[in-house]
PDB file of N, CA and C in Angstrom:
ATOM      1  N   MET A   1       0.848  -1.536   0.195  1.00  0.00           N
ATOM      2  CA  MET A   1       0.056   0.291  -0.035  1.00  0.00           C
ATOM      3  C   MET A   1       0.962   1.028   0.039  1.00  0.00           C
ATOM      4  N   ARG A   2       0.796   2.181  -0.646  1.00  0.00           N
ATOM      5  CA  ARG A   2       1.329   3.632  -1.067  1.00  0.00           C
ATOM      6  C   ARG A   2       0.584   4.597  -0.229  1.00  0.00           C
ATOM      7  N   GLY A   3       1.350   5.584   0.441  1.00  0.00           N
ATOM      8  CA  GLY A   3       0.486   6.571   1.327  1.00  0.00           C
ATOM      9  C   GLY A   3       1.291   7.949   1.268  1.00  0.00           C
ATOM     10  N   ALA A   4       0.648   8.583   1.709  1.00  0.00           N
ATOM     11  CA  ALA A   4       1.258  10.028   1.996  1.00  0.00           C
ATOM     12  C   ALA A   4       0.926  10.498   3.219  1.00  0.00           C
ATOM     13  N   ILE A   5       1.981  11.568   3.935  1.00  0.00           N
ATOM     14  CA  ILE A   5       1.634  11.936   5.260  1.00  0.00           C
ATOM     15  C   ILE A   5       1.603  13.532   5.455  1.00  0.00           C
ATOM     16  N   TYR A   6       0.499  13.906   5.893  1.00  0.00           N
ATOM     17  CA  TYR A   6       0.220  15.278   6.096  1.00  0.00           C
ATOM     18  C   TYR A   6       0.574  15.783   7.360  1.00  0.00           C
ATOM     19  N   SER A   7       1.302  16.478   7.961  1.00  0.00           N
ATOM     20  CA  SER A   7       1.873  17.156   9.366  1.00  0.00           C
ATOM     21  C   SER A   7       1.614  18.366   9.242  1.00  0.00           C
ATOM     22  N   ARG A   8       0.434  19.009  10.381  1.00  0.00           N
ATOM     23  CA  ARG A   8       0.456  20.503  10.224  1.00  0.00           C
ATOM     24  C   ARG A   8       0.628  20.927  11.794  1.00  0.00           C
ATOM     25  N   VAL A   9       1.081  21.971  11.877  1.00  0.00           N
ATOM     26  CA  VAL A   9       0.814  22.593  13.231  1.00  0.00           C
ATOM     27  C   VAL A   9       0.461  23.978  12.985  1.00  0.00           C
ATOM     28  N   SER A  10      -0.134  24.535  14.051  1.00  0.00           N
ATOM     29  CA  SER A  10      -0.735  25.870  13.705  1.00  0.00           C
ATOM     30  C   SER A  10       0.141  26.735  13.920  1.00  0.00           C
ATOM     31  N   THR A  11       1.399  26.636  14.617  1.00  0.00           N
ATOM     32  CA  THR A  11       1.831  28.106  14.928  1.00  0.00           C
ATOM     33  C   THR A  11       3.598  27.784  14.589  1.00  0.00           C
ATOM     34  N   ILE A  12       4.114  28.930  14.504  1.00  0.00           N
ATOM     35  CA  ILE A  12       5.667  28.709  14.080  1.00  0.00           C
ATOM     36  C   ILE A  12       6.723  28.033  15.297  1.00  0.00           C
ATOM     37  N   ASP A  13       5.716  28.365  16.632  1.00  0.00           N
ATOM     38  CA  ASP A  13       6.893  27.844  17.591  1.00  0.00           C
ATOM     39  C   ASP A  13       6.683  26.335  17.569  1.00  0.00           C
ATOM     40  N   GLN A  14       5.477  25.804  16.970  1.00  0.00           N
ATOM     41  CA  GLN A  14       5.383  24.161  16.952  1.00  0.00           C
ATOM     42  C   GLN A  14       6.396  23.477  16.206  1.00  0.00           C
ATOM     43  N   ASP A  15       6.469  22.283  16.656  1.00  0.00           N
ATOM     44  CA  ASP A  15       7.508  21.453  15.604  1.00  0.00           C
ATOM     45  C   ASP A  15       6.457  20.496  15.183  1.00  0.00           C
ATOM     46  N   TYR A  16       6.384  20.155  13.469  1.00  0.00           N
ATOM     47  CA  TYR A  16       5.654  18.970  13.078  1.00  0.00           C
ATOM     48  C   TYR A  16       6.708  17.863  12.701  1.00  0.00           C
ATOM     49  N   LYS A  17       7.833  18.022  13.043  1.00  0.00           N
ATOM     50  CA  LYS A  17       8.878  16.521  12.703  1.00  0.00           C
ATOM     51  C   LYS A  17       8.267  15.310  13.810  1.00  0.00           C
ATOM     52  N   ARG A  18       7.909  15.703  15.226  1.00  0.00           N
ATOM     53  CA  ARG A  18       7.128  14.579  16.077  1.00  0.00           C
ATOM     54  C   ARG A  18       6.551  13.763  15.494  1.00  0.00           C
ATOM     55  N   LYS A  19       5.456  14.619  14.807  1.00  0.00           N
ATOM     56  CA  LYS A  19       4.415  13.989  14.548  1.00  0.00           C
ATOM     57  C   LYS A  19       4.760  13.334  13.112  1.00  0.00           C
ATOM     58  N   THR A  20       5.316  13.956  11.950  1.00  0.00           N
ATOM     59  CA  THR A  20       5.953  13.225  10.756  1.00  0.00           C
ATOM     60  C   THR A  20       6.341  12.081  11.271  1.00  0.00           C
ATOM     61  N   ASN A  21       7.254  11.965  12.289  1.00  0.00           N
ATOM     62  CA  ASN A  21       8.174  10.542  12.719  1.00  0.00           C
ATOM     63  C   ASN A  21       6.983   9.475  13.053  1.00  0.00           C
ATOM     64  N   GLU A  22       6.005   9.931  13.647  1.00  0.00           N
ATOM     65  CA  GLU A  22       5.411   9.046  14.439  1.00  0.00           C
ATOM     66  C   GLU A  22       3.899   8.304  13.438  1.00  0.00           C
ATOM     67  N   LEU A  23       4.136   9.485  12.362  1.00  0.00           N
ATOM     68  CA  LEU A  23       3.210   8.842  11.187  1.00  0.00           C
ATOM     69  C   LEU A  23       4.178   7.789  10.472  1.00  0.00           C
ATOM     70  N   ARG A  24       5.103   8.186  10.211  1.00  0.00           N
ATOM     71  CA  ARG A  24       6.145   7.549   9.443  1.00  0.00           C
ATOM     72  C   ARG A  24       6.406   5.653  10.314  1.00  0.00           C
ATOM     73  N   GLU A  25       6.316   5.697  11.786  1.00  0.00           N
ATOM     74  CA  GLU A  25       6.298   4.747  12.326  1.00  0.00           C
ATOM     75  C   GLU A  25       5.023   3.892  12.403  1.00  0.00           C
ATOM     76  N   CYS A  26       4.438   4.697  12.191  1.00  0.00           N
ATOM     77  CA  CYS A  26       2.737   4.051  12.079  1.00  0.00           C
ATOM     78  C   CYS A  26       2.362   3.383  10.710  1.00  0.00           C
ATOM     79  N   ALA A  27       3.020   3.935   9.700  1.00  0.00           N
ATOM     80  CA  ALA A  27       2.857   3.579   8.188  1.00  0.00           C
ATOM     81  C   ALA A  27       4.194   2.258   8.359  1.00  0.00           C
ATOM     82  N   LYS A  28       5.186   2.528   8.825  1.00  0.00           N
ATOM     83  CA  LYS A  28       6.132   1.189   8.852  1.00  0.00           C
ATOM     84  C   LYS A  28       5.457  -0.304   9.474  1.00  0.00           C
ATOM     85  N   ALA A  29       4.926   0.420  10.765  1.00  0.00           N
ATOM     86  CA  ALA A  29       4.107  -0.977  11.436  1.00  0.00           C
ATOM     87  C   ALA A  29       2.754  -1.681  10.409  1.00  0.00           C
ATOM     88  N   MET A  30       2.069  -0.749   9.588  1.00  0.00           N
ATOM     89  CA  MET A  30       1.078  -1.198   8.852  1.00  0.00           C
ATOM     90  C   MET A  30       1.418  -1.582   7.574  1.00  0.00           C
ATOM     91  N   ASP A  31       3.055  -1.723   6.933  1.00  0.00           N
ATOM     92  CA  ASP A  31       3.500  -1.729   5.889  1.00  0.00           C
ATOM     93  C   ASP A  31       2.963  -1.122   4.523  1.00  0.00           C
ATOM     94  N   ILE A  32       3.110   0.251   5.052  1.00  0.00           N
ATOM     95  CA  ILE A  32       2.513   1.092   4.066  1.00  0.00           C
ATOM     96  C   ILE A  32       3.962   1.883   3.435  1.00  0.00           C
ATOM     97  N   GLU A  33       4.161   2.104   2.482  1.00  0.00           N
ATOM     98  CA  GLU A  33       5.066   2.833   2.017  1.00  0.00           C
ATOM     99  C   GLU A  33       4.978   4.458   1.649  1.00  0.00           C
ATOM    100  N   ILE A  34       5.617   5.060   2.297  1.00  0.00           N
ATOM    101  CA  ILE A  34       5.280   6.464   2.072  1.00  0.00           C
ATOM    102  C   ILE A  34       5.828   6.815   0.874  1.00  0.00           C
ATOM    103  N   ILE A  35       5.015   7.414   0.113  1.00  0.00           N
ATOM    104  CA  ILE A  35       5.807   8.241  -1.304  1.00  0.00           C
ATOM    105  C   ILE A  35       5.463   9.624  -1.621  1.00  0.00           C
ATOM    106  N   HIS A  36       5.021  10.491  -0.475  1.00  0.00           N
ATOM    107  CA  HIS A  36       4.837  11.970  -0.348  1.00  0.00           C
ATOM    108  C   HIS A  36       4.727  12.208   1.165  1.00  0.00           C
ATOM    109  N   VAL A  37       5.560  13.323   1.696  1.00  0.00           N
ATOM    110  CA  VAL A  37       5.538  13.668   2.779  1.00  0.00           C
ATOM    111  C   VAL A  37       5.068  15.344   2.680  1.00  0.00           C
ATOM    112  N   PHE A  38       4.024  15.688   3.219  1.00  0.00           N
ATOM    113  CA  PHE A  38       3.592  17.190   3.228  1.00  0.00           C
ATOM    114  C   PHE A  38       3.834  17.968   4.930  1.00  0.00           C
ATOM    115  N   GLU A  39       4.648  18.767   4.827  1.00  0.00           N
ATOM    116  CA  GLU A  39       4.133  19.135   6.081  1.00  0.00           C
ATOM    117  C   GLU A  39       4.435  20.955   5.978  1.00  0.00           C
ATOM    118  N   GLU A  40       3.470  21.324   7.236  1.00  0.00           N
ATOM    119  CA  GLU A  40       3.615  23.057   7.251  1.00  0.00           C
ATOM    120  C   GLU A  40       2.783  23.295   8.456  1.00  0.00           C
ATOM    121  N   LYS A  41       3.762  24.782   8.900  1.00  0.00           N
ATOM    122  CA  LYS A  41       2.971  25.356   9.665  1.00  0.00           C
ATOM    123  C   LYS A  41       2.027  26.703   9.243  1.00  0.00           C
ATOM    124  N   GLU A  42       0.444  26.287   9.255  1.00  0.00           N
ATOM    125  CA  GLU A  42      -0.466  27.230   8.784  1.00  0.00           C
ATOM    126  C   GLU A  42      -1.493  26.938  10.077  1.00  0.00           C
ATOM    127  N   SER A  43      -2.269  27.786   9.945  1.00  0.00           N
ATOM    128  CA  SER A  43      -3.593  27.494  10.890  1.00  0.00           C
ATOM    129  C   SER A  43      -4.469  26.611  10.048  1.00  0.00           C
ATOM    130  N   GLY A  44      -5.322  26.013  10.724  1.00  0.00           N
ATOM    131  CA  GLY A  44      -6.132  25.435  10.234  1.00  0.00           C
ATOM    132  C   GLY A  44      -7.163  26.303   9.388  1.00  0.00           C
ATOM    133  N   PHE A  45      -7.505  27.247   9.942  1.00  0.00           N
ATOM    134  CA  PHE A  45      -8.140  28.146   9.747  1.00  0.00           C
ATOM    135  C   PHE A  45      -8.123  29.067   8.363  1.00  0.00           C
ATOM    136  N   ASN A  46      -6.850  29.203   7.923  1.00  0.00           N
ATOM    137  CA  ASN A  46      -6.067  29.360   6.672  1.00  0.00           C
ATOM    138  C   ASN A  46      -6.208  28.449   5.544  1.00  0.00           C
ATOM    139  N   ASN A  47      -7.107  28.947   4.515  1.00  0.00           N
ATOM    140  CA  ASN A  47      -7.703  27.952   3.715  1.00  0.00           C
ATOM    141  C   ASN A  47      -6.689  28.071   2.353  1.00  0.00           C
ATOM    142  N   ASP A  48      -5.715  28.883   2.469  1.00  0.00           N
ATOM    143  CA  ASP A  48      -4.363  28.780   1.491  1.00  0.00           C
ATOM    144  C   ASP A  48      -2.961  28.181   1.971  1.00  0.00           C
ATOM    145  N   ARG A  49      -3.265  26.693   1.755  1.00  0.00           N
ATOM    146  CA  ARG A  49      -2.349  26.242   2.674  1.00  0.00           C
ATOM    147  C   ARG A  49      -1.405  25.707   1.374  1.00  0.00           C
ATOM    148  N   PRO A  50      -0.346  25.960   1.295  1.00  0.00           N
ATOM    149  CA  PRO A  50       0.330  25.268   0.178  1.00  0.00           C
ATOM    150  C   PRO A  50       0.383  24.077  -0.251  1.00  0.00           C
ATOM    151  N   GLU A  51       1.083  23.320   1.111  1.00  0.00           N
ATOM    152  CA  GLU A  51       1.041  21.863   1.074  1.00  0.00           C
ATOM    153  C   GLU A  51      -0.094  21.086   1.168  1.00  0.00           C
ATOM    154  N   PHE A  52      -1.163  21.642   1.504  1.00  0.00           N
ATOM    155  CA  PHE A  52      -2.463  20.700   1.655  1.00  0.00           C
ATOM    156  C   PHE A  52      -2.912  20.887   0.047  1.00  0.00           C
ATOM    157  N   ALA A  53      -2.681  21.974  -0.502  1.00  0.00           N
ATOM    158  CA  ALA A  53      -3.375  21.916  -1.956  1.00  0.00           C
ATOM    159  C   ALA A  53      -2.349  20.966  -2.883  1.00  0.00           C
ATOM    160  N   LYS A  54      -1.030  20.954  -2.503  1.00  0.00           N
ATOM    161  CA  LYS A  54      -0.457  19.814  -3.158  1.00  0.00           C
ATOM    162  C   LYS A  54      -1.207  18.347  -2.797  1.00  0.00           C
ATOM    163  N   LEU A  55      -1.356  18.216  -1.564  1.00  0.00           N
ATOM    164  CA  LEU A  55      -1.894  16.959  -1.045  1.00  0.00           C
ATOM    165  C   LEU A  55      -3.310  16.560  -1.684  1.00  0.00           C
ATOM    166  N   LYS A  56      -3.934  17.567  -1.946  1.00  0.00           N
ATOM    167  CA  LYS A  56      -5.491  17.413  -2.452  1.00  0.00           C
ATOM    168  C   LYS A  56      -5.134  17.116  -4.143  1.00  0.00           C
ATOM    169  N   GLU A  57      -4.048  17.288  -4.890  1.00  0.00           N
ATOM    170  CA  GLU A  57      -3.725  17.142  -6.275  1.00  0.00           C
ATOM    171  C   GLU A  57      -3.576  15.843  -6.122  1.00  0.00           C
ATOM    172  N   LEU A  58      -3.181  14.653  -5.208  1.00  0.00           N
ATOM    173  CA  LEU A  58      -2.696  13.473  -5.481  1.00  0.00           C
ATOM    174  C   LEU A  58      -4.048  12.546  -5.783  1.00  0.00           C
ATOM    175  N   THR A  59      -3.938  11.408  -6.873  1.00  0.00           N
ATOM    176  CA  THR A  59      -4.963  10.689  -6.978  1.00  0.00           C
ATOM    177  C   THR A  59      -5.281   9.242  -6.114  1.00  0.00           C
ATOM    178  N   LYS A  60      -6.307   8.357  -6.538  1.00  0.00           N
ATOM    179  CA  LYS A  60      -5.994   6.913  -6.448  1.00  0.00           C
ATOM    180  C   LYS A  60      -4.869   6.271  -7.050  1.00  0.00           C
ATOM    181  N   GLU A  61      -4.696   7.094  -8.224  1.00  0.00           N
ATOM    182  CA  GLU A  61      -3.571   6.186  -8.747  1.00  0.00           C
ATOM    183  C   GLU A  61      -2.158   6.375  -8.319  1.00  0.00           C
ATOM    184  N   ASP A  62      -1.904   7.895  -7.576  1.00  0.00           N
ATOM    185  CA  ASP A  62      -1.108   8.378  -6.881  1.00  0.00           C
ATOM    186  C   ASP A  62      -0.621   7.429  -5.502  1.00  0.00           C
ATOM    187  N   ILE A  63      -1.636   7.285  -4.524  1.00  0.00           N
ATOM    188  CA  ILE A  63      -1.584   6.690  -3.412  1.00  0.00           C
ATOM    189  C   ILE A  63      -2.889   6.255  -3.080  1.00  0.00           C
ATOM    190  N   ASP A  64      -2.762   5.115  -1.980  1.00  0.00           N
ATOM    191  CA  ASP A  64      -3.820   4.538  -1.517  1.00  0.00           C
ATOM    192  C   ASP A  64      -4.291   5.110  -0.044  1.00  0.00           C
ATOM    193  N   ILE A  65      -3.473   5.850   0.416  1.00  0.00           N
ATOM    194  CA  ILE A  65      -4.326   6.127   1.943  1.00  0.00           C
ATOM    195  C   ILE A  65      -3.164   7.533   2.311  1.00  0.00           C
ATOM    196  N   ILE A  66      -3.706   8.273   3.417  1.00  0.00           N
ATOM    197  CA  ILE A  66      -3.242   9.489   3.809  1.00  0.00           C
ATOM    198  C   ILE A  66      -3.519   9.088   5.238  1.00  0.00           C
ATOM    199  N   LEU A  67      -1.887   9.424   5.829  1.00  0.00           N
ATOM    200  CA  LEU A  67      -1.931   9.172   7.036  1.00  0.00           C
ATOM    201  C   LEU A  67      -1.419  11.001   7.688  1.00  0.00           C
ATOM    202  N   TYR A  68      -2.708  11.335   8.561  1.00  0.00           N
ATOM    203  CA  TYR A  68      -2.581  12.942   8.778  1.00  0.00           C
ATOM    204  C   TYR A  68      -2.437  13.223  10.364  1.00  0.00           C
ATOM    205  N   PHE A  69      -1.806  14.293  10.717  1.00  0.00           N
ATOM    206  CA  PHE A  69      -2.194  14.900  11.822  1.00  0.00           C
ATOM    207  C   PHE A  69      -2.715  16.729  11.394  1.00  0.00           C
ATOM    208  N   PRO A  70      -3.419  16.930  12.321  1.00  0.00           N
ATOM    209  CA  PRO A  70      -3.815  16.938  13.686  1.00  0.00           C
ATOM    210  C   PRO A  70      -4.548  15.747  14.224  1.00  0.00           C
ATOM    211  N   ARG A  71      -5.415  15.429  13.376  1.00  0.00           N
ATOM    212  CA  ARG A  71      -6.150  14.413  13.924  1.00  0.00           C
ATOM    213  C   ARG A  71      -5.697  13.094  13.532  1.00  0.00           C
ATOM    214  N   HIS A  72      -5.292  12.132  14.312  1.00  0.00           N
ATOM    215  CA  HIS A  72      -4.679  10.781  14.108  1.00  0.00           C
ATOM    216  C   HIS A  72      -5.248   9.911  13.378  1.00  0.00           C
ATOM    217  N   LEU A  73      -5.605   9.909  11.927  1.00  0.00           N
ATOM    218  CA  LEU A  73      -6.406   8.801  11.539  1.00  0.00           C
ATOM    219  C   LEU A  73      -5.866   8.709  10.094  1.00  0.00           C
ATOM    220  N   PHE A  74      -6.391   7.404   9.832  1.00  0.00           N
ATOM    221  CA  PHE A  74      -5.826   7.028   8.578  1.00  0.00           C
ATOM    222  C   PHE A  74      -7.055   7.273   7.607  1.00  0.00           C
ATOM    223  N   VAL A  75      -7.123   8.072   6.662  1.00  0.00           N
ATOM    224  CA  VAL A  75      -8.145   8.093   5.379  1.00  0.00           C
ATOM    225  C   VAL A  75      -8.042   7.435   4.125  1.00  0.00           C
ATOM    226  N   HIS A  76      -8.836   6.465   3.862  1.00  0.00           N
ATOM    227  CA  HIS A  76      -8.632   5.740   2.593  1.00  0.00           C
ATOM    228  C   HIS A  76      -9.555   6.353   1.582  1.00  0.00           C
ATOM    229  N   PHE A  77      -9.103   6.310   0.318  1.00  0.00           N
ATOM    230  CA  PHE A  77      -9.527   6.720  -1.043  1.00  0.00           C
ATOM    231  C   PHE A  77     -10.977   6.503  -0.983  1.00  0.00           C
ATOM    232  N   ASN A  78     -11.317   5.277  -0.655  1.00  0.00           N
ATOM    233  CA  ASN A  78     -12.500   5.064  -0.996  1.00  0.00           C
ATOM    234  C   ASN A  78     -13.772   5.155   0.084  1.00  0.00           C
ATOM    235  N   GLY A  79     -13.119   5.858   0.876  1.00  0.00           N
ATOM    236  CA  GLY A  79     -14.123   6.739   1.988  1.00  0.00           C
ATOM    237  C   GLY A  79     -14.097   5.993   3.319  1.00  0.00           C
ATOM    238  N   THR A  80     -13.364   4.749   3.503  1.00  0.00           N
ATOM    239  CA  THR A  80     -13.626   4.425   4.977  1.00  0.00           C
ATOM    240  C   THR A  80     -12.327   5.145   5.775  1.00  0.00           C
ATOM    241  N   HIS A  81     -12.877   5.285   7.060  1.00  0.00           N
ATOM    242  CA  HIS A  81     -11.671   5.635   7.900  1.00  0.00           C
ATOM    243  C   HIS A  81     -11.468   4.646   9.126  1.00  0.00           C
ATOM    244  N   ARG A  82      -9.982   4.370   9.582  1.00  0.00           N
ATOM    245  CA  ARG A  82      -9.825   3.856  10.809  1.00  0.00           C
ATOM    246  C   ARG A  82      -9.153   4.690  11.860  1.00  0.00           C
ATOM    247  N   GLN A  83      -9.307   4.611  12.737  1.00  0.00           N
ATOM    248  CA  GLN A  83      -8.661   5.418  13.808  1.00  0.00           C
ATOM    249  C   GLN A  83      -7.290   4.549  14.351  1.00  0.00           C
ATOM    250  N   VAL A  84      -6.164   5.414  14.363  1.00  0.00           N
ATOM    251  CA  VAL A  84      -4.967   4.613  14.751  1.00  0.00           C
ATOM    252  C   VAL A  84      -4.943   4.729  16.330  1.00  0.00           C
ATOM    253  N   THR A  85      -4.323   3.336  16.598  1.00  0.00           N
ATOM    254  CA  THR A  85      -4.556   3.278  18.408  1.00  0.00           C
ATOM    255  C   THR A  85      -3.184   3.620  18.739  1.00  0.00           C
ATOM    256  N   GLU A  86      -3.258   3.378  19.799  1.00  0.00           N
ATOM    257  CA  GLU A  86      -1.726   4.156  20.566  1.00  0.00           C
ATOM    258  C   GLU A  86      -0.437   3.193  20.409  1.00  0.00           C
ATOM    259  N   GLU A  87      -0.592   1.877  20.188  1.00  0.00           N
ATOM    260  CA  GLU A  87       0.379   0.912  19.916  1.00  0.00           C
ATOM    261  C   GLU A  87       1.203   1.183  18.912  1.00  0.00           C
ATOM    262  N   HIS A  88       0.378   1.565  17.796  1.00  0.00           N
ATOM    263  CA  HIS A  88       1.141   2.214  16.551  1.00  0.00           C
ATOM    264  C   HIS A  88       1.871   3.298  16.674  1.00  0.00           C
TER     265      HIS A  88
END
């Protein structure tokens, strides 16, 4: 399975690297190959988020799953959702 990671924090004082690393570990545990990583420091209220715009351009042919923060969810393109457990 091919995936993309999207990590976002709201302020410049916060660091998204820890979130990205946790998602990489989850992906590894679930045998997901990470193809794209998108990281940014932008408020969720800002609709002009460059990395999020790039993520939205991906299709089912590009990836099978999106792993993202701030909500720790896996989102499949077929519309199903699965909560990531603390053990991952």
